[in-house]
């Protein structure tokens, strides 16, 4: 953490591209598609606690380093 790194390695470029696809799907959901949103965010995050909600739009670069607690809400 806090160290310089090359963000343009093939692996990181691929990981960001995969993240963008999931973020696009998440941000394209309808308000009544809570189950679909939850499924997408669980694929994206390292952990996503129960009874948690993230409203759209949402943006991140990788997602897998995000550990979201229970009973949380973000808009």
N, C-alpha and C. Protein backbone atom coordinates (compact mmCIF):
# COMPACT_ATOMS: atom_id res chain seq x y z
N UNK A 1 0.84 -1.18 0.00
CA UNK A 1 0.00 0.00 0.00
C UNK A 1 0.88 1.24 0.00
N UNK A 2 0.47 2.23 -0.76
CA UNK A 2 1.19 3.48 -0.80
C UNK A 2 2.42 3.47 -1.70
N UNK A 3 2.70 2.35 -2.36
CA UNK A 3 3.86 2.27 -3.24
C UNK A 3 3.45 2.54 -4.68
N UNK A 4 4.39 3.06 -5.46
CA UNK A 4 4.13 3.27 -6.88
C UNK A 4 3.98 1.93 -7.59
N UNK A 5 3.16 1.91 -8.62
CA UNK A 5 3.01 0.71 -9.43
C UNK A 5 2.66 1.12 -10.84
N UNK A 6 2.84 0.21 -11.78
CA UNK A 6 2.51 0.44 -13.17
C UNK A 6 1.08 -0.02 -13.40
N UNK A 7 0.17 0.92 -13.60
CA UNK A 7 -1.25 0.60 -13.79
C UNK A 7 -1.56 0.09 -15.19
N UNK A 8 -0.54 0.01 -16.04
CA UNK A 8 -0.78 -0.36 -17.44
C UNK A 8 -0.20 -1.71 -17.81
N UNK A 9 0.00 -2.58 -16.82
CA UNK A 9 0.42 -3.94 -17.15
C UNK A 9 -0.75 -4.67 -17.79
N UNK A 10 -0.48 -5.67 -18.61
CA UNK A 10 -1.59 -6.41 -19.23
C UNK A 10 -2.59 -6.96 -18.21
N UNK A 11 -2.11 -7.45 -17.08
CA UNK A 11 -3.00 -8.01 -16.07
C UNK A 11 -3.93 -6.94 -15.50
N UNK A 12 -3.38 -5.80 -15.12
CA UNK A 12 -4.21 -4.74 -14.54
C UNK A 12 -5.16 -4.14 -15.57
N UNK A 13 -4.72 -4.01 -16.81
CA UNK A 13 -5.61 -3.54 -17.87
C UNK A 13 -6.79 -4.49 -18.03
N UNK A 14 -6.51 -5.79 -18.00
CA UNK A 14 -7.56 -6.80 -18.12
C UNK A 14 -8.52 -6.75 -16.93
N UNK A 15 -7.97 -6.61 -15.73
CA UNK A 15 -8.80 -6.56 -14.53
C UNK A 15 -9.69 -5.32 -14.53
N UNK A 16 -9.17 -4.18 -14.97
CA UNK A 16 -10.00 -2.98 -15.05
C UNK A 16 -11.08 -3.12 -16.10
N UNK A 17 -10.75 -3.76 -17.21
CA UNK A 17 -11.76 -3.97 -18.27
C UNK A 17 -12.88 -4.86 -17.76
N UNK A 18 -12.54 -5.92 -17.04
CA UNK A 18 -13.57 -6.81 -16.48
C UNK A 18 -14.42 -6.06 -15.46
N UNK A 19 -13.79 -5.23 -14.65
CA UNK A 19 -14.51 -4.43 -13.66
C UNK A 19 -15.47 -3.48 -14.36
N UNK A 20 -15.01 -2.83 -15.42
CA UNK A 20 -15.88 -1.89 -16.15
C UNK A 20 -17.12 -2.57 -16.70
N UNK A 21 -16.97 -3.80 -17.16
CA UNK A 21 -18.13 -4.55 -17.67
C UNK A 21 -19.15 -4.77 -16.57
N UNK A 22 -18.68 -5.20 -15.39
CA UNK A 22 -19.60 -5.42 -14.27
C UNK A 22 -20.22 -4.11 -13.79
N UNK A 23 -19.43 -3.06 -13.74
CA UNK A 23 -19.95 -1.75 -13.33
C UNK A 23 -21.01 -1.26 -14.31
N UNK A 24 -20.76 -1.47 -15.60
CA UNK A 24 -21.74 -1.08 -16.61
C UNK A 24 -23.05 -1.84 -16.38
N UNK A 25 -22.94 -3.16 -16.17
CA UNK A 25 -24.15 -3.96 -15.91
C UNK A 25 -24.87 -3.48 -14.66
N UNK A 26 -24.11 -3.21 -13.60
CA UNK A 26 -24.70 -2.75 -12.34
C UNK A 26 -25.41 -1.42 -12.54
N UNK A 27 -24.75 -0.47 -13.17
CA UNK A 27 -25.32 0.86 -13.36
C UNK A 27 -26.48 0.88 -14.35
N UNK A 28 -26.63 -0.19 -15.13
CA UNK A 28 -27.71 -0.27 -16.11
C UNK A 28 -28.96 -0.97 -15.56
N UNK A 29 -28.90 -1.41 -14.32
CA UNK A 29 -30.06 -2.09 -13.74
C UNK A 29 -31.16 -1.09 -13.43
N UNK A 30 -32.38 -1.62 -13.40
CA UNK A 30 -33.55 -0.81 -13.04
C UNK A 30 -33.65 -0.76 -11.51
N UNK A 31 -34.32 0.24 -10.97
CA UNK A 31 -34.45 0.35 -9.51
C UNK A 31 -35.08 -0.87 -8.84
N UNK A 32 -35.95 -1.58 -9.55
CA UNK A 32 -36.62 -2.74 -8.93
C UNK A 32 -35.83 -4.04 -9.10
N UNK A 33 -34.60 -3.98 -9.58
CA UNK A 33 -33.79 -5.17 -9.80
C UNK A 33 -32.76 -5.36 -8.69
N UNK A 34 -33.21 -5.33 -7.46
CA UNK A 34 -32.31 -5.43 -6.31
C UNK A 34 -31.54 -6.74 -6.29
N UNK A 35 -32.18 -7.83 -6.66
CA UNK A 35 -31.51 -9.14 -6.65
C UNK A 35 -30.39 -9.15 -7.69
N UNK A 36 -30.67 -8.63 -8.87
CA UNK A 36 -29.65 -8.57 -9.93
C UNK A 36 -28.48 -7.69 -9.50
N UNK A 37 -28.77 -6.54 -8.89
CA UNK A 37 -27.71 -5.65 -8.41
C UNK A 37 -26.83 -6.37 -7.39
N UNK A 38 -27.48 -7.07 -6.47
CA UNK A 38 -26.75 -7.79 -5.43
C UNK A 38 -25.83 -8.85 -6.05
N UNK A 39 -26.33 -9.59 -7.04
CA UNK A 39 -25.52 -10.62 -7.70
C UNK A 39 -24.30 -10.01 -8.38
N UNK A 40 -24.49 -8.91 -9.05
CA UNK A 40 -23.38 -8.26 -9.76
C UNK A 40 -22.34 -7.74 -8.77
N UNK A 41 -22.78 -7.08 -7.72
CA UNK A 41 -21.84 -6.49 -6.77
C UNK A 41 -21.07 -7.58 -6.02
N UNK A 42 -21.69 -8.73 -5.80
CA UNK A 42 -20.99 -9.85 -5.14
C UNK A 42 -19.91 -10.43 -6.05
N UNK A 43 -20.10 -10.37 -7.36
CA UNK A 43 -19.05 -10.79 -8.30
C UNK A 43 -17.90 -9.79 -8.31
N UNK A 44 -18.22 -8.55 -8.08
CA UNK A 44 -17.25 -7.47 -8.19
C UNK A 44 -16.42 -7.29 -6.92
N UNK A 45 -17.06 -7.29 -5.76
CA UNK A 45 -16.39 -6.98 -4.50
C UNK A 45 -15.71 -8.20 -3.90
N UNK A 46 -14.72 -7.94 -3.04
CA UNK A 46 -14.11 -9.01 -2.27
C UNK A 46 -15.10 -9.58 -1.27
N UNK A 47 -15.96 -8.72 -0.73
CA UNK A 47 -17.02 -9.13 0.20
C UNK A 47 -18.11 -8.07 0.17
N UNK A 48 -19.35 -8.52 0.27
CA UNK A 48 -20.48 -7.59 0.34
C UNK A 48 -21.44 -8.11 1.39
N UNK A 49 -21.57 -7.36 2.49
CA UNK A 49 -22.36 -7.79 3.63
C UNK A 49 -23.86 -7.86 3.35
N UNK A 50 -24.54 -8.66 4.15
CA UNK A 50 -25.99 -8.80 4.02
C UNK A 50 -26.68 -7.50 4.40
N UNK A 51 -27.88 -7.33 3.88
CA UNK A 51 -28.69 -6.14 4.14
C UNK A 51 -27.97 -4.84 3.78
N UNK A 52 -27.19 -4.88 2.70
CA UNK A 52 -26.47 -3.70 2.25
C UNK A 52 -26.96 -3.29 0.87
N UNK A 53 -26.89 -1.99 0.60
CA UNK A 53 -27.38 -1.44 -0.66
C UNK A 53 -26.40 -0.40 -1.16
N UNK A 54 -26.12 -0.45 -2.45
CA UNK A 54 -25.37 0.61 -3.12
C UNK A 54 -26.24 1.09 -4.26
N UNK A 55 -26.52 2.38 -4.28
CA UNK A 55 -27.32 2.95 -5.35
C UNK A 55 -26.43 3.29 -6.55
N UNK A 56 -27.04 3.33 -7.71
CA UNK A 56 -26.32 3.73 -8.91
C UNK A 56 -26.34 5.24 -9.03
N UNK A 57 -25.39 5.84 -9.70
CA UNK A 57 -24.26 5.20 -10.35
C UNK A 57 -23.14 4.91 -9.36
N UNK A 58 -22.39 3.88 -9.66
CA UNK A 58 -21.24 3.49 -8.85
C UNK A 58 -20.04 3.34 -9.77
N UNK A 59 -18.85 3.64 -9.25
CA UNK A 59 -17.64 3.51 -10.06
C UNK A 59 -16.49 3.04 -9.19
N UNK A 60 -15.69 2.14 -9.72
CA UNK A 60 -14.43 1.74 -9.09
C UNK A 60 -13.52 1.19 -10.19
N UNK A 61 -12.26 0.97 -9.87
CA UNK A 61 -11.31 0.49 -10.87
C UNK A 61 -11.18 -1.03 -10.91
N UNK A 62 -11.19 -1.67 -9.75
CA UNK A 62 -10.98 -3.12 -9.71
C UNK A 62 -12.11 -3.84 -8.97
N UNK A 63 -12.51 -3.33 -7.82
CA UNK A 63 -13.62 -3.91 -7.08
C UNK A 63 -13.23 -4.99 -6.09
N UNK A 64 -12.31 -5.86 -6.48
CA UNK A 64 -12.00 -7.02 -5.63
C UNK A 64 -11.33 -6.64 -4.32
N UNK A 65 -10.86 -5.42 -4.19
CA UNK A 65 -10.27 -4.96 -2.93
C UNK A 65 -11.28 -4.27 -2.02
N UNK A 66 -12.53 -4.27 -2.40
CA UNK A 66 -13.58 -3.62 -1.61
C UNK A 66 -14.25 -4.67 -0.72
N UNK A 67 -14.25 -4.41 0.57
CA UNK A 67 -14.91 -5.28 1.55
C UNK A 67 -15.97 -4.44 2.24
N UNK A 68 -17.22 -4.72 1.92
CA UNK A 68 -18.36 -3.91 2.35
C UNK A 68 -19.06 -4.62 3.50
N UNK A 69 -19.29 -3.91 4.60
CA UNK A 69 -19.90 -4.50 5.78
C UNK A 69 -21.40 -4.71 5.66
N UNK A 70 -21.96 -5.28 6.70
CA UNK A 70 -23.40 -5.55 6.76
C UNK A 70 -24.17 -4.28 7.10
N UNK A 71 -25.44 -4.29 6.71
CA UNK A 71 -26.37 -3.20 7.06
C UNK A 71 -25.83 -1.83 6.65
N UNK A 72 -25.29 -1.76 5.44
CA UNK A 72 -24.70 -0.52 4.94
C UNK A 72 -25.49 0.01 3.75
N UNK A 73 -25.48 1.32 3.59
CA UNK A 73 -26.17 1.96 2.48
C UNK A 73 -25.28 3.06 1.92
N UNK A 74 -25.19 3.14 0.60
CA UNK A 74 -24.45 4.22 -0.05
C UNK A 74 -25.23 4.71 -1.26
N UNK A 75 -25.24 6.02 -1.43
CA UNK A 75 -25.88 6.59 -2.62
C UNK A 75 -24.98 7.62 -3.26
